Amino acid sequence: YVAGWAKRGPSGVLGTNRACSQETVQSMMADRSHWPVTRPGSPDALLNRLFQQTPAPVAWEDWLYLDNVEKEAGSAQGRPRVKFDDRKNLRSALGQRT
């Protein structure tokens, strides 16, 4: 399930994305009866499974750090932020963290 640019390509504005996301949620809810039954488990167990996957997700603390790095890079260029364009650059920035 996708919404926004992932669904339509790079077009539209916030209002377009809202309608697109509502359509996606409606599709998800229509398919809900066919979803697999999940087993209860602890949030820590889920996080452990996620972090064992490749590529690993970005932890909240790391996201906060990356958010700050993007804003600082943007400020230097007179922009709100400069987004990381790929996972390799993102992981490299995390590796340079002090």
C-alpha atoms as a PDB file:
ATOM      1  CA  TYR A   1       0.000   0.000   0.000  1.00  0.00           C
ATOM      2  CA  VAL A   2       1.394   3.381  -0.972  1.00  0.00           C
ATOM      3  CA  ALA A   3       0.262   6.984  -1.130  1.00  0.00           C
ATOM      4  CA  GLY A   4       1.557  10.294  -2.402  1.00  0.00           C
ATOM      5  CA  TRP A   5       4.505  10.378  -4.745  1.00  0.00           C
ATOM      6  CA  ALA A   6       5.170   6.676  -4.224  1.00  0.00           C
ATOM      7  CA  LYS A   7       1.742   6.033  -5.719  1.00  0.00           C
ATOM      8  CA  ARG A   8       1.417   8.759  -8.363  1.00  0.00           C
ATOM      9  CA  GLY A   9       4.932   9.917  -9.072  1.00  0.00           C
ATOM     10  CA  PRO A  10       6.224  13.423  -8.309  1.00  0.00           C
ATOM     11  CA  SER A  11       3.033  15.408  -8.739  1.00  0.00           C
ATOM     12  CA  GLY A  12       0.401  17.061  -6.628  1.00  0.00           C
ATOM     13  CA  VAL A  13       0.288  19.107  -3.458  1.00  0.00           C
ATOM     14  CA  LEU A  14      -0.636  18.450   0.172  1.00  0.00           C
ATOM     15  CA  GLY A  15      -4.341  18.320  -0.614  1.00  0.00           C
ATOM     16  CA  THR A  16      -3.700  15.763  -3.352  1.00  0.00           C
ATOM     17  CA  ASN A  17      -1.671  13.640  -0.951  1.00  0.00           C
ATOM     18  CA  ARG A  18      -4.450  13.739   1.636  1.00  0.00           C
ATOM     19  CA  ALA A  19      -7.052  12.425  -0.806  1.00  0.00           C
ATOM     20  CA  CYS A  20      -4.565   9.853  -2.074  1.00  0.00           C
ATOM     21  CA  SER A  21      -3.806   8.608   1.446  1.00  0.00           C
ATOM     22  CA  GLN A  22      -7.515   8.371   2.257  1.00  0.00           C
ATOM     23  CA  GLU A  23      -7.993   6.220  -0.848  1.00  0.00           C
ATOM     24  CA  THR A  24      -5.105   3.999   0.247  1.00  0.00           C
ATOM     25  CA  VAL A  25      -6.540   3.555   3.760  1.00  0.00           C
ATOM     26  CA  GLN A  26      -9.913   2.630   2.253  1.00  0.00           C
ATOM     27  CA  SER A  27      -8.163  -0.042   0.154  1.00  0.00           C
ATOM     28  CA  MET A  28      -6.349  -1.337   3.230  1.00  0.00           C
ATOM     29  CA  MET A  29      -9.554  -1.569   5.231  1.00  0.00           C
ATOM     30  CA  ALA A  30     -11.309  -3.373   2.366  1.00  0.00           C
ATOM     31  CA  ASP A  31      -8.486  -5.954   2.368  1.00  0.00           C
ATOM     32  CA  ARG A  32      -8.301  -6.242   6.146  1.00  0.00           C
ATOM     33  CA  SER A  33     -10.248  -9.490   6.383  1.00  0.00           C
ATOM     34  CA  HIS A  34      -7.545 -11.166   4.264  1.00  0.00           C
ATOM     35  CA  TRP A  35      -4.608 -10.059   6.412  1.00  0.00           C
ATOM     36  CA  PRO A  36      -2.718 -12.725   8.338  1.00  0.00           C
ATOM     37  CA  VAL A  37      -3.569 -13.167  11.995  1.00  0.00           C
ATOM     38  CA  THR A  38      -0.797 -11.759  14.149  1.00  0.00           C
ATOM     39  CA  ARG A  39       0.451 -13.328  17.316  1.00  0.00           C
ATOM     40  CA  PRO A  40       0.718 -11.121  20.367  1.00  0.00           C
ATOM     41  CA  GLY A  41       4.239 -10.272  21.394  1.00  0.00           C
ATOM     42  CA  SER A  42       6.277  -7.664  23.118  1.00  0.00           C
ATOM     43  CA  PRO A  43       7.270  -4.417  21.396  1.00  0.00           C
ATOM     44  CA  ASP A  44      10.904  -5.234  22.226  1.00  0.00           C
ATOM     45  CA  ALA A  45      10.645  -8.544  20.358  1.00  0.00           C
ATOM     46  CA  LEU A  46       9.292  -6.728  17.304  1.00  0.00           C
ATOM     47  CA  LEU A  47      12.065  -4.130  17.450  1.00  0.00           C
ATOM     48  CA  ASN A  48      14.679  -6.868  17.738  1.00  0.00           C
ATOM     49  CA  ARG A  49      13.272  -8.571  14.628  1.00  0.00           C
ATOM     50  CA  LEU A  50      13.218  -5.310  12.683  1.00  0.00           C
ATOM     51  CA  PHE A  51      16.806  -4.444  13.556  1.00  0.00           C
ATOM     52  CA  GLN A  52      17.969  -7.893  12.412  1.00  0.00           C
ATOM     53  CA  GLN A  53      16.612  -7.240   8.919  1.00  0.00           C
ATOM     54  CA  THR A  54      18.619  -5.803   6.056  1.00  0.00           C
ATOM     55  CA  PRO A  55      18.376  -2.928   5.562  1.00  0.00           C
ATOM     56  CA  ALA A  56      17.901  -2.188   9.229  1.00  0.00           C
ATOM     57  CA  PRO A  57      15.436   0.563  10.167  1.00  0.00           C
ATOM     58  CA  VAL A  58      16.674   3.866  11.552  1.00  0.00           C
ATOM     59  CA  ALA A  59      16.224   4.226  15.314  1.00  0.00           C
ATOM     60  CA  TRP A  60      14.327   7.251  16.618  1.00  0.00           C
ATOM     61  CA  GLU A  61      17.460   8.807  18.156  1.00  0.00           C
ATOM     62  CA  ASP A  62      19.276   8.381  14.840  1.00  0.00           C
ATOM     63  CA  TRP A  63      16.356   9.942  12.965  1.00  0.00           C
ATOM     64  CA  LEU A  64      16.496  12.974  15.267  1.00  0.00           C
ATOM     65  CA  TYR A  65      20.219  13.295  14.561  1.00  0.00           C
ATOM     66  CA  LEU A  66      19.694  12.970  10.779  1.00  0.00           C
ATOM     67  CA  ASP A  67      16.867  15.508  10.894  1.00  0.00           C
ATOM     68  CA  ASN A  68      19.249  17.989  12.486  1.00  0.00           C
ATOM     69  CA  VAL A  69      22.028  17.244   9.949  1.00  0.00           C
ATOM     70  CA  GLU A  70      19.601  17.803   7.045  1.00  0.00           C
ATOM     71  CA  LYS A  71      18.429  21.114   8.519  1.00  0.00           C
ATOM     72  CA  GLU A  72      21.999  22.311   9.111  1.00  0.00           C
ATOM     73  CA  ALA A  73      22.965  21.428   5.521  1.00  0.00           C
ATOM     74  CA  GLY A  74      19.907  23.291   4.260  1.00  0.00           C
ATOM     75  CA  SER A  75      20.631  26.343   6.400  1.00  0.00           C
ATOM     76  CA  ALA A  76      24.110  26.570   4.867  1.00  0.00           C
ATOM     77  CA  GLN A  77      22.435  26.728   1.425  1.00  0.00           C
ATOM     78  CA  GLY A  78      19.551  29.018   2.389  1.00  0.00           C
ATOM     79  CA  ARG A  79      17.073  26.138   2.239  1.00  0.00           C
ATOM     80  CA  PRO A  80      14.887  24.471   4.888  1.00  0.00           C
ATOM     81  CA  ARG A  81      16.889  21.227   4.607  1.00  0.00           C
ATOM     82  CA  VAL A  82      18.929  19.060   2.269  1.00  0.00           C
ATOM     83  CA  LYS A  83      17.517  15.538   2.300  1.00  0.00           C
ATOM     84  CA  PHE A  84      19.707  12.453   2.188  1.00  0.00           C
ATOM     85  CA  ASP A  85      19.291  11.002  -1.282  1.00  0.00           C
ATOM     86  CA  ASP A  86      20.169   7.393  -0.529  1.00  0.00           C
ATOM     87  CA  ARG A  87      20.684   4.933   2.295  1.00  0.00           C
ATOM     88  CA  LYS A  88      24.467   4.812   1.805  1.00  0.00           C
ATOM     89  CA  ASN A  89      24.807   8.560   2.477  1.00  0.00           C
ATOM     90  CA  LEU A  90      22.374   8.319   5.371  1.00  0.00           C
ATOM     91  CA  ARG A  91      24.327   5.481   7.002  1.00  0.00           C
ATOM     92  CA  SER A  92      27.592   7.310   6.353  1.00  0.00           C
ATOM     93  CA  ALA A  93      26.277  10.349   8.207  1.00  0.00           C
ATOM     94  CA  LEU A  94      25.315   8.132  11.136  1.00  0.00           C
ATOM     95  CA  GLY A  95      28.819   6.652  11.123  1.00  0.00           C
ATOM     96  CA  GLN A  96      30.324  10.147  11.402  1.00  0.00           C
ATOM     97  CA  ARG A  97      28.227  10.921  14.448  1.00  0.00           C
ATOM     98  CA  THR A  98      30.184  12.242  17.415  1.00  0.00           C
END
